[in-house]
Amino acid sequence: MLNPFIIDQIKKREQEERRRGERQPVIELPLPMPAAPRPTSDEEESERGVYIIDLS
């Protein structure tokens, strides 16, 4: 069993570490915005075509 004095010292150190952690500043980095998904529409599909090249 530990001496009560030692237990008190351990508790004090833990409390000090918690306080230090709360006081530290936090920097938030700007993150790039995610690209917006391209809307698919029927117009895009209707503009597609097939080219046939006859090489004979």
C-alpha atoms as a PDB file:
ATOM      1  CA  MET A   1       0.000   0.000   0.000  1.00  0.00           C
ATOM      2  CA  LEU A   2       1.243   3.471  -0.881  1.00  0.00           C
ATOM      3  CA  ASN A   3       1.794   6.201   1.634  1.00  0.00           C
ATOM      4  CA  PRO A   4      -1.100   8.779   1.660  1.00  0.00           C
ATOM      5  CA  PHE A   5       1.438  11.541   0.958  1.00  0.00           C
ATOM      6  CA  ILE A   6       2.519   9.805  -2.242  1.00  0.00           C
ATOM      7  CA  ILE A   7      -1.105   9.297  -3.328  1.00  0.00           C
ATOM      8  CA  ASP A   8      -1.790  13.012  -2.834  1.00  0.00           C
ATOM      9  CA  GLN A   9       1.288  13.941  -4.869  1.00  0.00           C
ATOM     10  CA  ILE A  10       0.214  11.660  -7.723  1.00  0.00           C
ATOM     11  CA  LYS A  11      -3.285  13.208  -7.717  1.00  0.00           C
ATOM     12  CA  LYS A  12      -1.821  16.727  -7.787  1.00  0.00           C
ATOM     13  CA  ARG A  13       0.442  15.877 -10.730  1.00  0.00           C
ATOM     14  CA  GLU A  14      -2.479  14.379 -12.656  1.00  0.00           C
ATOM     15  CA  GLN A  15      -4.565  17.500 -12.039  1.00  0.00           C
ATOM     16  CA  GLU A  16      -1.719  19.748 -13.210  1.00  0.00           C
ATOM     17  CA  GLU A  17      -1.321  17.710 -16.398  1.00  0.00           C
ATOM     18  CA  ARG A  18      -5.053  18.025 -17.110  1.00  0.00           C
ATOM     19  CA  ARG A  19      -4.929  21.796 -16.595  1.00  0.00           C
ATOM     20  CA  ARG A  20      -1.950  22.112 -18.943  1.00  0.00           C
ATOM     21  CA  GLY A  21      -3.788  20.140 -21.573  1.00  0.00           C
ATOM     22  CA  GLU A  22      -6.826  22.415 -21.318  1.00  0.00           C
ATOM     23  CA  ARG A  23      -4.764  25.610 -21.591  1.00  0.00           C
ATOM     24  CA  GLN A  24      -2.819  24.671 -24.700  1.00  0.00           C
ATOM     25  CA  PRO A  25      -3.999  26.556 -27.770  1.00  0.00           C
ATOM     26  CA  VAL A  26      -5.453  24.646 -30.669  1.00  0.00           C
ATOM     27  CA  ILE A  27      -4.898  25.657 -34.277  1.00  0.00           C
ATOM     28  CA  GLU A  28      -7.443  24.600 -36.856  1.00  0.00           C
ATOM     29  CA  LEU A  29      -6.028  24.225 -40.337  1.00  0.00           C
ATOM     30  CA  PRO A  30      -8.107  25.363 -43.296  1.00  0.00           C
ATOM     31  CA  LEU A  31      -9.104  22.330 -45.316  1.00  0.00           C
ATOM     32  CA  PRO A  32      -9.874  22.499 -49.033  1.00  0.00           C
ATOM     33  CA  MET A  33     -13.532  22.352 -49.910  1.00  0.00           C
ATOM     34  CA  PRO A  34     -14.609  19.073 -51.493  1.00  0.00           C
ATOM     35  CA  ALA A  35     -15.405  19.290 -55.180  1.00  0.00           C
ATOM     36  CA  ALA A  36     -19.100  19.513 -55.922  1.00  0.00           C
ATOM     37  CA  PRO A  37     -20.415  16.558 -57.878  1.00  0.00           C
ATOM     38  CA  ARG A  38     -21.252  17.358 -61.466  1.00  0.00           C
ATOM     39  CA  PRO A  39     -24.953  17.151 -62.090  1.00  0.00           C
ATOM     40  CA  THR A  40     -25.766  14.586 -64.709  1.00  0.00           C
ATOM     41  CA  SER A  41     -28.534  15.534 -67.019  1.00  0.00           C
ATOM     42  CA  ASP A  42     -30.175  14.080 -70.107  1.00  0.00           C
ATOM     43  CA  GLU A  43     -28.689  16.876 -72.221  1.00  0.00           C
ATOM     44  CA  GLU A  44     -25.151  15.668 -71.652  1.00  0.00           C
ATOM     45  CA  GLU A  45     -26.050  12.160 -72.704  1.00  0.00           C
ATOM     46  CA  SER A  46     -27.922  13.345 -75.788  1.00  0.00           C
ATOM     47  CA  GLU A  47     -24.899  15.372 -76.977  1.00  0.00           C
ATOM     48  CA  ARG A  48     -22.802  12.233 -77.202  1.00  0.00           C
ATOM     49  CA  GLY A  49     -22.377  10.646 -80.544  1.00  0.00           C
ATOM     50  CA  VAL A  50     -20.653   7.833 -82.365  1.00  0.00           C
ATOM     51  CA  TYR A  51     -18.233   8.501 -85.186  1.00  0.00           C
ATOM     52  CA  ILE A  52     -17.631   5.771 -87.710  1.00  0.00           C
ATOM     53  CA  ILE A  53     -14.545   6.068 -89.860  1.00  0.00           C
ATOM     54  CA  ASP A  54     -14.467   3.753 -92.834  1.00  0.00           C
ATOM     55  CA  LEU A  55     -10.864   3.009 -93.783  1.00  0.00           C
ATOM     56  CA  SER A  56     -11.631   0.600 -96.620  1.00  0.00           C
END
